[in-house]
Amino acid sequence: MMHMTFYWSKEVTLLLDSWRTESWTSYSLTLLACLISSAFYQYMEDRRVRFKLVSVGQPSAQIETPFLRGKLRGGGPKLSAARIGGAALFGFNSAVGYLLMLAVMSFNGGIFLAVVLGLAIGYLLFRSGDEDLAAPVLDNPCACA
């Protein structure tokens, strides 16, 4: 039966029926996998944003608002290698984010803490240097989209 409230147990089914933890060792490895995946998500988000800045020829960040988007970017080809690469990175990062969201939806307290801790560690390691850029990048503040 699927839990609908947070619970604290070493026995959890995560994402697949075959990914079940029944011992403290398997549960600890699962928590480690969630933590590393969350930090990897932040790393890939940093790479995606930096790729976007490089592909538009901006060495520093720019503020993107819906009303100014056309004015800030300038006209470029609608289908270019940089745009396809950026879309691929966005799709991959979105998939990882949604898998993390589904892992949290197992409602296991340890999984939740491991994902949040991994996101925080990943942000600290890979994205906290965003303040060094000339202006902040307002892209997508959601942690899992």
N, C-alpha and C. Protein backbone atom coordinates (compact mmCIF):
# COMPACT_ATOMS: atom_id res chain seq x y z
N MET A 1 0.83 -1.18 0.00
CA MET A 1 0.00 0.00 0.00
C MET A 1 0.88 1.25 0.00
N MET A 2 0.48 2.24 -0.77
CA MET A 2 1.24 3.48 -0.86
C MET A 2 0.88 4.41 0.29
N HIS A 3 1.90 4.98 0.92
CA HIS A 3 1.69 5.91 2.01
C HIS A 3 1.22 7.25 1.47
N MET A 4 0.34 7.90 2.19
CA MET A 4 -0.15 9.21 1.80
C MET A 4 0.26 10.28 2.81
N THR A 5 1.03 9.90 3.81
CA THR A 5 1.59 10.83 4.78
C THR A 5 3.05 10.45 4.98
N PHE A 6 3.86 11.37 5.51
CA PHE A 6 5.26 11.06 5.74
C PHE A 6 5.39 9.94 6.75
N TYR A 7 6.31 9.06 6.49
CA TYR A 7 6.61 7.97 7.42
C TYR A 7 8.12 7.79 7.48
N TRP A 8 8.57 7.21 8.56
CA TRP A 8 10.00 7.01 8.79
C TRP A 8 10.23 5.50 8.90
N SER A 9 10.79 4.95 7.84
CA SER A 9 11.06 3.51 7.83
C SER A 9 12.18 3.22 6.86
N LYS A 10 12.89 2.14 7.12
CA LYS A 10 13.94 1.72 6.18
C LYS A 10 13.34 0.96 5.01
N GLU A 11 12.09 0.62 5.09
CA GLU A 11 11.44 -0.12 4.01
C GLU A 11 10.68 0.86 3.12
N VAL A 12 11.19 1.00 1.88
CA VAL A 12 10.60 1.94 0.95
C VAL A 12 10.70 1.36 -0.46
N THR A 13 9.71 1.66 -1.28
CA THR A 13 9.75 1.34 -2.70
C THR A 13 9.92 2.66 -3.43
N LEU A 14 11.00 2.76 -4.22
CA LEU A 14 11.34 4.03 -4.85
C LEU A 14 11.30 3.90 -6.36
N LEU A 15 10.41 4.61 -7.01
CA LEU A 15 10.27 4.76 -8.46
C LEU A 15 9.87 3.48 -9.19
N LEU A 16 10.44 2.36 -8.85
CA LEU A 16 10.15 1.09 -9.52
C LEU A 16 9.80 0.03 -8.48
N ASP A 17 8.99 -0.94 -8.88
CA ASP A 17 8.68 -2.04 -7.95
C ASP A 17 9.93 -2.83 -7.56
N SER A 18 10.91 -2.85 -8.46
CA SER A 18 12.12 -3.62 -8.17
C SER A 18 13.10 -2.86 -7.27
N TRP A 19 12.88 -1.57 -7.04
CA TRP A 19 13.77 -0.79 -6.18
C TRP A 19 13.13 -0.72 -4.79
N ARG A 20 13.33 -1.77 -4.04
CA ARG A 20 12.81 -1.87 -2.67
C ARG A 20 13.97 -1.97 -1.70
N THR A 21 13.83 -1.30 -0.60
CA THR A 21 14.85 -1.40 0.44
C THR A 21 14.26 -2.17 1.61
N GLU A 22 15.01 -3.12 2.10
CA GLU A 22 14.55 -3.92 3.23
C GLU A 22 15.58 -3.99 4.35
N SER A 23 16.79 -3.50 4.07
CA SER A 23 17.83 -3.49 5.09
C SER A 23 18.37 -2.07 5.23
N TRP A 24 19.09 -1.83 6.31
CA TRP A 24 19.67 -0.51 6.51
C TRP A 24 20.72 -0.20 5.45
N THR A 25 21.40 -1.22 4.98
CA THR A 25 22.42 -1.00 3.94
C THR A 25 21.78 -0.52 2.64
N SER A 26 20.74 -1.22 2.20
CA SER A 26 20.09 -0.82 0.95
C SER A 26 19.41 0.54 1.11
N TYR A 27 18.85 0.80 2.27
CA TYR A 27 18.22 2.10 2.52
C TYR A 27 19.26 3.21 2.50
N SER A 28 20.41 2.99 3.12
CA SER A 28 21.49 3.99 3.13
C SER A 28 22.00 4.25 1.72
N LEU A 29 22.16 3.20 0.92
CA LEU A 29 22.60 3.39 -0.47
C LEU A 29 21.55 4.15 -1.29
N THR A 30 20.29 3.90 -1.02
CA THR A 30 19.22 4.62 -1.70
C THR A 30 19.24 6.09 -1.33
N LEU A 31 19.44 6.39 -0.04
CA LEU A 31 19.54 7.78 0.39
C LEU A 31 20.74 8.47 -0.26
N LEU A 32 21.85 7.76 -0.35
CA LEU A 32 23.04 8.31 -1.00
C LEU A 32 22.78 8.58 -2.48
N ALA A 33 22.08 7.66 -3.14
CA ALA A 33 21.75 7.85 -4.56
C ALA A 33 20.85 9.07 -4.74
N CYS A 34 19.90 9.27 -3.85
CA CYS A 34 19.02 10.45 -3.94
C CYS A 34 19.80 11.73 -3.71
N LEU A 35 20.71 11.72 -2.75
CA LEU A 35 21.52 12.89 -2.46
C LEU A 35 22.41 13.25 -3.65
N ILE A 36 23.06 12.26 -4.22
CA ILE A 36 23.94 12.50 -5.37
C ILE A 36 23.14 12.95 -6.58
N SER A 37 21.98 12.34 -6.80
CA SER A 37 21.14 12.75 -7.94
C SER A 37 20.66 14.18 -7.79
N SER A 38 20.34 14.59 -6.58
CA SER A 38 19.91 15.97 -6.36
C SER A 38 21.03 16.96 -6.60
N ALA A 39 22.23 16.63 -6.14
CA ALA A 39 23.38 17.50 -6.38
C ALA A 39 23.70 17.55 -7.87
N PHE A 40 23.56 16.41 -8.56
CA PHE A 40 23.78 16.35 -10.01
C PHE A 40 22.77 17.22 -10.74
N TYR A 41 21.54 17.26 -10.25
CA TYR A 41 20.51 18.12 -10.85
C TYR A 41 20.97 19.57 -10.82
N GLN A 42 21.49 20.02 -9.69
CA GLN A 42 21.95 21.40 -9.58
C GLN A 42 23.15 21.65 -10.49
N TYR A 43 24.04 20.67 -10.60
CA TYR A 43 25.18 20.80 -11.51
C TYR A 43 24.71 20.96 -12.95
N MET A 44 23.77 20.13 -13.37
CA MET A 44 23.27 20.20 -14.74
C MET A 44 22.50 21.51 -14.98
N GLU A 45 21.81 22.00 -13.99
CA GLU A 45 21.11 23.28 -14.14
C GLU A 45 22.12 24.40 -14.33
N ASP A 46 23.23 24.36 -13.59
CA ASP A 46 24.28 25.36 -13.76
C ASP A 46 24.88 25.28 -15.17
N ARG A 47 25.14 24.06 -15.64
CA ARG A 47 25.70 23.89 -16.99
C ARG A 47 24.73 24.41 -18.03
N ARG A 48 23.44 24.14 -17.86
CA ARG A 48 22.44 24.58 -18.84
C ARG A 48 22.37 26.10 -18.91
N VAL A 49 22.36 26.76 -17.75
CA VAL A 49 22.29 28.22 -17.74
C VAL A 49 23.55 28.82 -18.36
N ARG A 50 24.70 28.27 -18.04
CA ARG A 50 25.95 28.79 -18.60
C ARG A 50 26.02 28.53 -20.11
N PHE A 51 25.54 27.38 -20.55
CA PHE A 51 25.49 27.09 -21.98
C PHE A 51 24.59 28.09 -22.69
N LYS A 52 23.48 28.42 -22.06
CA LYS A 52 22.55 29.39 -22.64
C LYS A 52 23.22 30.75 -22.78
N LEU A 53 23.96 31.16 -21.76
CA LEU A 53 24.64 32.45 -21.83
C LEU A 53 25.72 32.47 -22.90
N VAL A 54 26.47 31.39 -23.02
CA VAL A 54 27.53 31.31 -24.03
C VAL A 54 26.93 31.27 -25.43
N SER A 55 25.82 30.54 -25.59
CA SER A 55 25.23 30.40 -26.93
C SER A 55 24.65 31.69 -27.46
N VAL A 56 24.23 32.60 -26.58
CA VAL A 56 23.71 33.89 -27.07
C VAL A 56 24.81 34.94 -27.10
N GLY A 57 26.04 34.55 -26.77
CA GLY A 57 27.17 35.47 -26.86
C GLY A 57 27.27 36.43 -25.70
N GLN A 58 26.67 36.10 -24.58
CA GLN A 58 26.72 36.95 -23.40
C GLN A 58 27.71 36.36 -22.42
N PRO A 59 28.83 37.02 -22.15
CA PRO A 59 29.74 36.49 -21.14
C PRO A 59 29.19 36.60 -19.74
N SER A 60 28.26 37.50 -19.53
CA SER A 60 27.62 37.62 -18.22
C SER A 60 26.13 37.39 -18.38
N ALA A 61 25.48 37.24 -17.26
CA ALA A 61 24.06 36.91 -17.28
C ALA A 61 23.22 38.11 -17.68
N GLN A 62 21.98 37.84 -18.01
CA GLN A 62 21.04 38.90 -18.31
C GLN A 62 19.73 38.58 -17.64
N ILE A 63 18.97 39.60 -17.36
CA ILE A 63 17.66 39.39 -16.75
C ILE A 63 16.68 39.11 -17.87
N GLU A 64 15.94 38.02 -17.72
CA GLU A 64 14.95 37.67 -18.73
C GLU A 64 13.57 37.84 -18.13
N THR A 65 12.78 38.70 -18.72
CA THR A 65 11.39 38.87 -18.34
C THR A 65 10.55 38.60 -19.57
N PRO A 66 9.33 38.15 -19.40
CA PRO A 66 8.51 37.85 -20.58
C PRO A 66 8.32 39.05 -21.49
N PHE A 67 8.24 40.26 -20.93
CA PHE A 67 7.97 41.43 -21.74
C PHE A 67 9.21 41.91 -22.51
N LEU A 68 10.39 41.63 -21.98
CA LEU A 68 11.62 42.11 -22.61
C LEU A 68 12.37 41.03 -23.36
N ARG A 69 11.86 39.81 -23.37
CA ARG A 69 12.59 38.69 -23.95
C ARG A 69 13.04 38.96 -25.38
N GLY A 70 12.19 39.44 -26.24
CA GLY A 70 12.56 39.71 -27.62
C GLY A 70 13.59 40.82 -27.73
N LYS A 71 13.52 41.80 -26.87
CA LYS A 71 14.43 42.94 -26.92
C LYS A 71 15.82 42.56 -26.42
N LEU A 72 15.90 41.66 -25.45
CA LEU A 72 17.19 41.29 -24.88
C LEU A 72 17.96 40.31 -25.77
N ARG A 73 17.27 39.44 -26.43
CA ARG A 73 17.95 38.39 -27.18
C ARG A 73 18.38 38.80 -28.55
N GLY A 74 17.59 39.56 -29.22
CA GLY A 74 17.89 39.85 -30.62
C GLY A 74 17.40 38.73 -31.49
N GLY A 75 17.32 39.00 -32.76
CA GLY A 75 16.82 37.99 -33.68
C GLY A 75 17.90 37.03 -34.10
N GLY A 76 17.66 35.79 -34.00
CA GLY A 76 18.59 34.77 -34.42
C GLY A 76 17.84 33.67 -35.12
N PRO A 77 18.56 32.70 -35.64
CA PRO A 77 17.86 31.61 -36.31
C PRO A 77 16.99 30.84 -35.32
N LYS A 78 15.82 30.46 -35.78
CA LYS A 78 14.89 29.74 -34.91
C LYS A 78 15.37 28.32 -34.60
N LEU A 79 16.12 27.73 -35.51
CA LEU A 79 16.59 26.37 -35.32
C LEU A 79 18.09 26.36 -35.53
N SER A 80 18.84 26.37 -34.45
CA SER A 80 20.29 26.34 -34.53
C SER A 80 20.80 25.24 -33.61
N ALA A 81 22.06 24.89 -33.76
CA ALA A 81 22.66 23.84 -32.92
C ALA A 81 22.63 24.24 -31.45
N ALA A 82 22.86 25.52 -31.17
CA ALA A 82 22.85 25.99 -29.78
C ALA A 82 21.46 25.86 -29.17
N ARG A 83 20.43 26.20 -29.93
CA ARG A 83 19.06 26.10 -29.41
C ARG A 83 18.65 24.65 -29.22
N ILE A 84 19.06 23.77 -30.14
CA ILE A 84 18.75 22.35 -30.00
C ILE A 84 19.48 21.77 -28.80
N GLY A 85 20.76 22.14 -28.64
CA GLY A 85 21.52 21.68 -27.48
C GLY A 85 20.93 22.18 -26.18
N GLY A 86 20.51 23.44 -26.15
CA GLY A 86 19.87 23.99 -24.96
C GLY A 86 18.56 23.28 -24.64
N ALA A 87 17.80 22.96 -25.68
CA ALA A 87 16.54 22.25 -25.48
C ALA A 87 16.79 20.84 -24.95
N ALA A 88 17.83 20.18 -25.47
CA ALA A 88 18.17 18.84 -24.99
C ALA A 88 18.59 18.88 -23.52
N LEU A 89 19.41 19.87 -23.16
CA LEU A 89 19.81 20.00 -21.75
C LEU A 89 18.60 20.29 -20.87
N PHE A 90 17.70 21.13 -21.34
CA PHE A 90 16.50 21.44 -20.57
C PHE A 90 15.64 20.18 -20.39
N GLY A 91 15.47 19.41 -21.46
CA GLY A 91 14.69 18.18 -21.37
C GLY A 91 15.29 17.18 -20.41
N PHE A 92 16.61 16.98 -20.49
CA PHE A 92 17.29 16.04 -19.59
C PHE A 92 17.15 16.51 -18.14
N ASN A 93 17.38 17.80 -17.92
CA ASN A 93 17.31 18.32 -16.56
C ASN A 93 15.88 18.26 -16.02
N SER A 94 14.91 18.48 -16.86
CA SER A 94 13.51 18.36 -16.43
C SER A 94 13.19 16.93 -16.04
N ALA A 95 13.69 15.96 -16.81
CA ALA A 95 13.44 14.55 -16.49
C ALA A 95 14.05 14.20 -15.14
N VAL A 96 15.28 14.64 -14.88
CA VAL A 96 15.91 14.37 -13.58
C VAL A 96 15.10 15.03 -12.47
N GLY A 97 14.67 16.27 -12.69
CA GLY A 97 13.87 16.97 -11.69
C GLY A 97 12.56 16.27 -11.37
N TYR A 98 11.88 15.78 -12.39
CA TYR A 98 10.62 15.08 -12.16
C TYR A 98 10.85 13.73 -11.48
N LEU A 99 11.95 13.06 -11.79
CA LEU A 99 12.25 11.81 -11.08
C LEU A 99 12.53 12.08 -9.60
N LEU A 100 13.21 13.18 -9.31
CA LEU A 100 13.42 13.56 -7.90
C LEU A 100 12.09 13.87 -7.22
N MET A 101 11.20 14.55 -7.93
CA MET A 101 9.89 14.85 -7.37
C MET A 101 9.13 13.55 -7.07
N LEU A 102 9.19 12.59 -7.99
CA LEU A 102 8.51 11.32 -7.75
C LEU A 102 9.14 10.56 -6.60
N ALA A 103 10.44 10.67 -6.43
CA ALA A 103 11.10 10.03 -5.29
C ALA A 103 10.59 10.63 -3.98
N VAL A 104 10.47 11.95 -3.94
CA VAL A 104 9.95 12.60 -2.74
C VAL A 104 8.51 12.17 -2.49
N MET A 105 7.77 11.90 -3.57
CA MET A 105 6.38 11.49 -3.41
C MET A 105 6.23 10.07 -2.87
N SER A 106 7.34 9.41 -2.58
CA SER A 106 7.25 8.15 -1.85
C SER A 106 6.85 8.40 -0.40
N PHE A 107 6.92 9.66 0.02
CA PHE A 107 6.55 10.11 1.36
C PHE A 107 7.43 9.53 2.46
N ASN A 108 8.59 9.03 2.10
CA ASN A 108 9.54 8.57 3.10
C ASN A 108 10.34 9.78 3.59
N GLY A 109 10.39 9.98 4.89
CA GLY A 109 11.07 11.14 5.46
C GLY A 109 12.54 11.18 5.13
N GLY A 110 13.21 10.05 5.12
CA GLY A 110 14.63 10.00 4.79
C GLY A 110 14.89 10.38 3.35
N ILE A 111 14.06 9.91 2.44
CA ILE A 111 14.19 10.25 1.03
C ILE A 111 14.00 11.76 0.85
N PHE A 112 12.98 12.31 1.49
CA PHE A 112 12.72 13.74 1.42
C PHE A 112 13.94 14.54 1.90
N LEU A 113 14.48 14.17 3.05
CA LEU A 113 15.64 14.88 3.58
C LEU A 113 16.87 14.73 2.70
N ALA A 114 17.06 13.54 2.13
CA ALA A 114 18.22 13.32 1.25
C ALA A 114 18.12 14.17 -0.01
N VAL A 115 16.94 14.28 -0.59
CA VAL A 115 16.76 15.09 -1.80
C VAL A 115 16.96 16.57 -1.49
N VAL A 116 16.37 17.05 -0.40
CA VAL A 116 16.51 18.47 -0.05
C VAL A 116 17.97 18.78 0.30
N LEU A 117 18.61 17.91 1.05
CA LEU A 117 20.02 18.11 1.39
C LEU A 117 20.89 18.08 0.14
N GLY A 118 20.62 17.17 -0.78
CA GLY A 118 21.37 17.11 -2.02
C GLY A 118 21.19 18.36 -2.87
N LEU A 119 19.95 18.89 -2.92
CA LEU A 119 19.71 20.14 -3.65
C LEU A 119 20.49 21.29 -3.01
N ALA A 120 20.50 21.34 -1.69
CA ALA A 120 21.22 22.41 -0.99
C ALA A 120 22.72 22.29 -1.21
N ILE A 121 23.26 21.09 -1.11
CA ILE A 121 24.69 20.88 -1.32
C ILE A 121 25.05 21.21 -2.77
N GLY A 122 24.24 20.75 -3.71
CA GLY A 122 24.49 21.05 -5.12
C GLY A 122 24.44 22.54 -5.39
N TYR A 123 23.50 23.23 -4.78
CA TYR A 123 23.42 24.68 -4.96
C TYR A 123 24.67 25.35 -4.40
N LEU A 124 25.08 24.91 -3.22
CA LEU A 124 26.27 25.48 -2.59
C LEU A 124 27.51 25.26 -3.45
N LEU A 125 27.66 24.06 -3.99
CA LEU A 125 28.85 23.73 -4.76
C LEU A 125 28.84 24.32 -6.17
N PHE A 126 27.69 24.31 -6.82
CA PHE A 126 27.67 24.61 -8.25
C PHE A 126 26.97 25.92 -8.62
N ARG A 127 26.05 26.39 -7.81
CA ARG A 127 25.25 27.52 -8.24
C ARG A 127 25.36 28.74 -7.36
N SER A 128 25.99 28.66 -6.21
CA SER A 128 26.06 29.83 -5.34
C SER A 128 26.99 30.89 -5.91
N GLY A 129 27.80 30.55 -6.90
CA GLY A 129 28.66 31.52 -7.56
C GLY A 129 27.94 32.35 -8.60
N ASP A 130 26.63 32.15 -8.78
CA ASP A 130 25.87 32.93 -9.75
C ASP A 130 25.87 34.40 -9.41
N GLU A 131 26.13 34.75 -8.15
CA GLU A 131 26.15 36.16 -7.76
C GLU A 131 27.35 36.87 -8.38
N ASP A 132 28.36 36.11 -8.82
CA ASP A 132 29.53 36.71 -9.45
C ASP A 132 29.21 37.26 -10.83
N LEU A 133 28.13 36.81 -11.42
CA LEU A 133 27.75 37.30 -12.74
C LEU A 133 27.22 38.72 -12.63
N ALA A 134 27.25 39.44 -13.72
CA ALA A 134 26.88 40.86 -13.70
C ALA A 134 25.44 41.08 -13.24
N ALA A 135 24.51 40.27 -13.71
CA ALA A 135 23.11 40.39 -13.31
C ALA A 135 22.56 39.00 -13.09
N PRO A 136 21.60 38.84 -12.23
CA PRO A 136 21.07 37.49 -11.97
C PRO A 136 20.31 36.94 -13.17
N VAL A 137 20.31 35.64 -13.31
CA VAL A 137 19.53 34.98 -14.34
C VAL A 137 18.23 34.54 -13.71
N LEU A 138 17.13 35.09 -14.18
CA LEU A 138 15.82 34.71 -13.68
C LEU A 138 15.23 33.73 -14.68
N ASP A 139 15.55 32.46 -14.49
CA ASP A 139 15.16 31.47 -15.48
C ASP A 139 13.98 30.67 -14.99
N ASN A 140 14.20 29.81 -14.01
CA ASN A 140 13.13 29.02 -13.45
C ASN A 140 13.48 28.72 -12.00
N PRO A 141 12.81 29.35 -11.05
CA PRO A 141 13.18 29.18 -9.66
C PRO A 141 12.75 27.85 -9.07
N CYS A 142 11.92 27.08 -9.74
CA CYS A 142 11.47 25.81 -9.21
C CYS A 142 12.61 24.81 -9.18
N ALA A 143 12.72 24.06 -8.11
CA ALA A 143 13.84 23.13 -7.97
C ALA A 143 13.65 21.88 -8.82
N CYS A 144 12.45 21.62 -9.29
CA CYS A 144 12.26 20.37 -10.02
C CYS A 144 11.55 20.58 -11.35
N ALA A 145 11.84 21.64 -12.03
CA ALA A 145 11.23 21.86 -13.34
C ALA A 145 12.24 22.49 -14.27
